[in-house]
N, C-alpha and C. Protein backbone atom coordinates (compact mmCIF):
# COMPACT_ATOMS: atom_id res chain seq x y z
N VAL A 1 -92.79 9.17 91.34
CA VAL A 1 -92.40 8.46 90.15
C VAL A 1 -91.10 7.41 90.84
N ALA A 2 -90.68 6.44 90.45
CA ALA A 2 -89.88 5.53 90.81
C ALA A 2 -88.43 5.80 90.15
N ASP A 3 -87.50 4.84 90.53
CA ASP A 3 -85.97 5.28 90.08
C ASP A 3 -86.01 4.41 88.60
N GLY A 4 -86.86 3.44 88.60
CA GLY A 4 -86.84 2.75 87.32
C GLY A 4 -88.08 2.04 86.75
N TRP A 5 -88.32 1.62 85.51
CA TRP A 5 -89.55 1.08 85.31
C TRP A 5 -89.26 0.05 84.18
N ILE A 6 -89.86 -1.22 84.46
CA ILE A 6 -89.83 -2.33 83.45
C ILE A 6 -91.17 -2.50 83.13
N PRO A 7 -91.45 -2.12 81.92
CA PRO A 7 -92.80 -2.35 81.14
C PRO A 7 -93.06 -3.70 80.97
N LEU A 8 -94.62 -4.15 81.04
CA LEU A 8 -94.79 -5.68 80.60
C LEU A 8 -94.55 -5.50 79.07
N GLY A 9 -94.73 -4.54 78.34
CA GLY A 9 -95.02 -4.44 76.87
C GLY A 9 -94.03 -3.48 76.21
N ASP A 10 -94.44 -3.02 75.03
CA ASP A 10 -93.43 -2.01 74.52
C ASP A 10 -93.61 -0.66 75.06
N PRO A 11 -92.86 0.05 75.71
CA PRO A 11 -92.93 1.20 76.30
C PRO A 11 -92.85 2.56 75.42
N VAL A 12 -92.77 2.39 74.24
CA VAL A 12 -92.54 3.49 73.28
C VAL A 12 -93.72 4.76 73.36
N ASP A 13 -94.84 4.14 72.96
CA ASP A 13 -96.04 4.98 73.34
C ASP A 13 -96.43 5.76 74.42
N ALA A 14 -95.92 5.15 75.46
CA ALA A 14 -95.90 5.61 76.81
C ALA A 14 -94.92 6.64 77.41
N MET A 15 -93.77 6.63 76.83
CA MET A 15 -92.76 7.51 77.19
C MET A 15 -92.97 8.92 77.17
N PRO A 16 -93.73 9.39 76.25
CA PRO A 16 -94.18 10.90 76.50
C PRO A 16 -95.03 11.14 77.88
N ARG A 17 -95.98 10.34 78.06
CA ARG A 17 -96.48 10.55 79.44
C ARG A 17 -95.50 10.33 80.53
N MET A 18 -94.56 9.20 80.52
CA MET A 18 -93.62 9.01 81.63
C MET A 18 -92.68 10.37 81.75
N ARG A 19 -92.36 10.99 80.59
CA ARG A 19 -91.52 12.27 80.83
C ARG A 19 -92.27 13.26 81.29
N GLN A 20 -93.55 13.51 80.98
CA GLN A 20 -94.51 14.24 81.64
C GLN A 20 -94.39 14.17 83.08
N TYR A 21 -94.75 13.07 83.50
CA TYR A 21 -94.57 12.70 84.95
C TYR A 21 -93.28 13.22 85.68
N LEU A 22 -92.39 12.65 85.14
CA LEU A 22 -90.89 13.41 85.64
C LEU A 22 -90.98 14.63 85.50
N ASP A 23 -91.32 15.33 84.71
CA ASP A 23 -91.20 16.77 84.65
C ASP A 23 -92.01 17.29 85.59
N GLU A 24 -93.27 16.79 85.82
CA GLU A 24 -94.02 17.35 86.93
C GLU A 24 -93.38 17.15 88.45
N ALA A 25 -92.56 16.08 88.42
CA ALA A 25 -91.81 15.68 89.86
C ALA A 25 -90.62 16.34 89.77
N GLY A 26 -90.11 17.22 88.78
CA GLY A 26 -89.22 18.07 88.95
C GLY A 26 -87.68 17.25 88.86
N ARG A 27 -87.95 16.25 87.85
CA ARG A 27 -86.64 15.28 87.60
C ARG A 27 -86.46 15.31 86.19
N PRO A 28 -85.37 15.14 85.88
CA PRO A 28 -84.79 15.05 84.44
C PRO A 28 -85.34 13.75 83.67
N ALA A 29 -85.57 13.42 82.51
CA ALA A 29 -86.00 12.45 81.92
C ALA A 29 -85.04 11.43 82.07
N ASP A 30 -83.42 11.73 82.22
CA ASP A 30 -82.44 10.71 82.30
C ASP A 30 -82.33 10.11 83.52
N SER A 31 -83.38 10.38 84.63
CA SER A 31 -83.12 10.20 85.82
C SER A 31 -83.66 8.80 86.06
N LEU A 32 -84.81 8.53 85.04
CA LEU A 32 -85.40 7.09 85.30
C LEU A 32 -84.49 5.91 84.26
N MET A 33 -84.42 4.92 84.83
CA MET A 33 -83.87 3.88 84.16
C MET A 33 -85.32 3.08 83.72
N VAL A 34 -85.26 2.87 82.17
CA VAL A 34 -86.28 2.19 81.51
C VAL A 34 -85.69 1.03 80.81
N ARG A 35 -86.31 -0.21 81.10
CA ARG A 35 -85.80 -1.32 80.62
C ARG A 35 -86.86 -1.94 79.59
N ALA A 36 -86.37 -2.35 78.45
CA ALA A 36 -87.34 -2.90 77.46
C ALA A 36 -86.80 -4.39 76.85
N ASN A 37 -87.49 -4.95 76.05
CA ASN A 37 -87.01 -6.17 75.42
C ASN A 37 -86.87 -6.00 73.92
N ILE A 38 -85.92 -6.66 73.44
CA ILE A 38 -85.68 -6.89 71.97
C ILE A 38 -85.76 -8.29 71.95
N ALA A 39 -86.45 -8.83 70.73
CA ALA A 39 -86.51 -10.10 70.58
C ALA A 39 -85.41 -10.28 69.34
N ALA A 40 -84.65 -11.45 69.51
CA ALA A 40 -83.45 -11.70 68.46
C ALA A 40 -84.31 -12.55 67.53
N SER A 41 -84.93 -11.64 66.62
CA SER A 41 -85.84 -12.51 65.82
C SER A 41 -85.05 -12.99 64.45
N ASP A 42 -85.75 -13.64 63.72
CA ASP A 42 -85.04 -14.19 62.61
C ASP A 42 -84.45 -13.07 61.41
N GLY A 43 -85.05 -11.75 61.80
CA GLY A 43 -84.93 -10.57 60.99
C GLY A 43 -83.41 -10.33 60.81
N GLY A 44 -82.68 -10.67 61.82
CA GLY A 44 -81.13 -10.63 61.88
C GLY A 44 -80.73 -9.12 62.09
N ARG A 45 -79.62 -8.72 61.61
CA ARG A 45 -78.82 -7.47 62.16
C ARG A 45 -79.65 -6.31 61.99
N ASP A 46 -80.36 -6.18 60.63
CA ASP A 46 -81.00 -4.80 60.25
C ASP A 46 -82.26 -4.74 61.59
N GLU A 47 -82.88 -5.81 61.54
CA GLU A 47 -84.21 -5.81 62.36
C GLU A 47 -83.72 -5.60 63.81
N TRP A 48 -82.70 -6.01 64.43
CA TRP A 48 -82.26 -5.93 65.82
C TRP A 48 -81.69 -4.42 66.01
N LEU A 49 -81.03 -4.02 65.07
CA LEU A 49 -80.48 -2.76 65.16
C LEU A 49 -81.78 -1.54 65.15
N ALA A 50 -82.63 -1.69 64.26
CA ALA A 50 -83.86 -0.93 63.98
C ALA A 50 -84.81 -1.08 65.57
N ALA A 51 -84.64 -2.00 66.12
CA ALA A 51 -85.57 -2.10 67.39
C ALA A 51 -84.87 -1.53 68.40
N ALA A 52 -83.45 -1.62 68.32
CA ALA A 52 -82.45 -1.03 69.44
C ALA A 52 -82.64 0.37 69.34
N SER A 53 -82.44 1.17 68.01
CA SER A 53 -82.63 2.46 67.75
C SER A 53 -84.08 3.02 68.01
N ARG A 54 -84.97 2.28 67.79
CA ARG A 54 -86.30 2.78 68.21
C ARG A 54 -86.67 3.01 69.71
N LEU A 55 -85.98 1.99 70.54
CA LEU A 55 -86.03 2.15 71.90
C LEU A 55 -85.29 3.19 72.39
N GLN A 56 -83.87 3.20 72.04
CA GLN A 56 -83.11 4.43 72.33
C GLN A 56 -83.75 5.78 72.17
N SER A 57 -84.41 5.88 70.94
CA SER A 57 -84.88 7.28 70.46
C SER A 57 -86.00 7.47 71.37
N ALA A 58 -86.85 6.45 72.19
CA ALA A 58 -87.85 6.70 72.90
C ALA A 58 -87.59 7.05 74.34
N GLY A 59 -86.02 6.79 74.77
CA GLY A 59 -85.62 7.06 75.87
C GLY A 59 -85.18 5.96 76.97
N VAL A 60 -85.40 4.71 76.23
CA VAL A 60 -85.26 3.39 76.75
C VAL A 60 -83.86 3.42 77.16
N SER A 61 -83.30 3.08 78.47
CA SER A 61 -81.81 3.11 78.99
C SER A 61 -81.20 1.82 79.07
N HIS A 62 -82.02 0.80 79.05
CA HIS A 62 -81.42 -0.77 79.00
C HIS A 62 -82.36 -1.55 78.35
N ILE A 63 -81.89 -2.60 78.06
CA ILE A 63 -82.41 -3.66 77.10
C ILE A 63 -82.12 -4.90 77.52
N THR A 64 -83.16 -6.01 77.39
CA THR A 64 -82.86 -7.36 77.79
C THR A 64 -83.25 -7.93 76.11
N ILE A 65 -82.45 -8.99 75.97
CA ILE A 65 -82.63 -9.49 74.45
C ILE A 65 -83.05 -10.72 74.82
N SER A 66 -84.04 -11.28 73.99
CA SER A 66 -84.67 -12.63 74.19
C SER A 66 -84.53 -13.34 72.71
N ALA A 67 -84.34 -14.52 72.79
CA ALA A 67 -84.38 -15.44 71.70
C ALA A 67 -85.67 -16.29 71.51
N PRO A 68 -86.05 -16.25 70.46
CA PRO A 68 -87.44 -16.87 69.96
C PRO A 68 -87.55 -18.14 70.67
N SER A 69 -88.76 -18.61 71.29
CA SER A 69 -88.92 -19.53 71.96
C SER A 69 -88.64 -20.83 71.40
N ARG A 70 -88.77 -21.13 69.97
CA ARG A 70 -88.58 -22.32 69.38
C ARG A 70 -87.05 -22.44 69.24
N LEU A 71 -86.32 -21.62 69.58
CA LEU A 71 -84.76 -21.81 69.72
C LEU A 71 -84.53 -22.39 71.13
N VAL A 72 -83.83 -23.43 71.27
CA VAL A 72 -83.87 -23.84 72.67
C VAL A 72 -82.06 -24.34 72.75
N GLY A 73 -81.79 -24.43 73.87
CA GLY A 73 -80.44 -24.77 74.24
C GLY A 73 -79.29 -23.96 73.48
N ASP A 74 -78.38 -24.63 72.92
CA ASP A 74 -77.16 -23.83 71.90
C ASP A 74 -77.81 -22.98 71.00
N ALA A 75 -78.69 -23.47 70.44
CA ALA A 75 -79.27 -22.36 69.21
C ALA A 75 -79.88 -21.05 70.02
N GLY A 76 -80.53 -21.22 70.98
CA GLY A 76 -81.03 -19.94 71.56
C GLY A 76 -80.04 -19.12 72.09
N LEU A 77 -78.96 -19.73 72.69
CA LEU A 77 -77.63 -19.01 73.20
C LEU A 77 -76.97 -18.27 72.11
N GLU A 78 -76.80 -19.11 71.25
CA GLU A 78 -75.93 -18.35 69.80
C GLU A 78 -76.65 -17.33 69.33
N ARG A 79 -78.15 -17.28 69.17
CA ARG A 79 -78.89 -16.19 68.83
C ARG A 79 -78.59 -15.05 69.78
N LEU A 80 -78.81 -15.33 71.05
CA LEU A 80 -78.68 -14.05 71.96
C LEU A 80 -77.22 -13.57 71.71
N VAL A 81 -76.37 -14.57 71.60
CA VAL A 81 -74.87 -13.86 71.73
C VAL A 81 -74.52 -12.84 70.31
N ALA A 82 -75.24 -13.45 69.34
CA ALA A 82 -75.21 -12.84 68.05
C ALA A 82 -75.91 -11.54 68.14
N ALA A 83 -77.12 -11.56 68.58
CA ALA A 83 -77.81 -10.27 68.65
C ALA A 83 -77.19 -9.09 69.63
N ARG A 84 -76.56 -9.84 70.70
CA ARG A 84 -76.12 -8.86 71.66
C ARG A 84 -74.62 -8.32 70.85
N GLY A 85 -73.85 -9.07 70.34
CA GLY A 85 -72.86 -8.49 69.61
C GLY A 85 -73.21 -7.26 68.47
N VAL A 86 -74.31 -7.66 67.70
CA VAL A 86 -74.60 -6.57 66.86
C VAL A 86 -74.95 -5.30 67.51
N ILE A 87 -75.64 -5.52 68.56
CA ILE A 87 -76.31 -4.44 69.25
C ILE A 87 -75.22 -3.61 69.74
N ALA A 88 -74.23 -4.37 70.70
CA ALA A 88 -73.24 -3.61 71.20
C ALA A 88 -72.29 -3.07 70.31
N SER A 89 -72.07 -3.56 69.10
CA SER A 89 -71.43 -2.94 68.18
C SER A 89 -71.52 -1.41 67.68
N GLU A 90 -72.73 -1.40 67.80
CA GLU A 90 -73.41 -0.10 67.31
C GLU A 90 -73.81 0.89 68.36
N PHE A 91 -74.02 0.55 69.38
CA PHE A 91 -74.73 1.23 70.65
C PHE A 91 -73.91 1.29 71.91
N GLY A 92 -72.72 0.40 71.82
CA GLY A 92 -71.73 0.31 73.04
C GLY A 92 -72.09 -0.48 74.05
């Protein structure tokens, strides 16, 4: 088992298996950095916080925030900044 995992998709369903692998290797679950993505979708604050909470509950330690592909330039950046602010205010 490596020091980190950046899954290509949603890692939530695979996290119990990953914890099992860590346990079998004699490592605590929090010794693995797991990065997942949150889409800063049109759902806004409640949707972003729900996504972050779901990932945190599953054991994800780091997130990447992405803007919808239709938002380009300043609009995409503004959405990313807004989502980051909301998530950081709740999760630190």
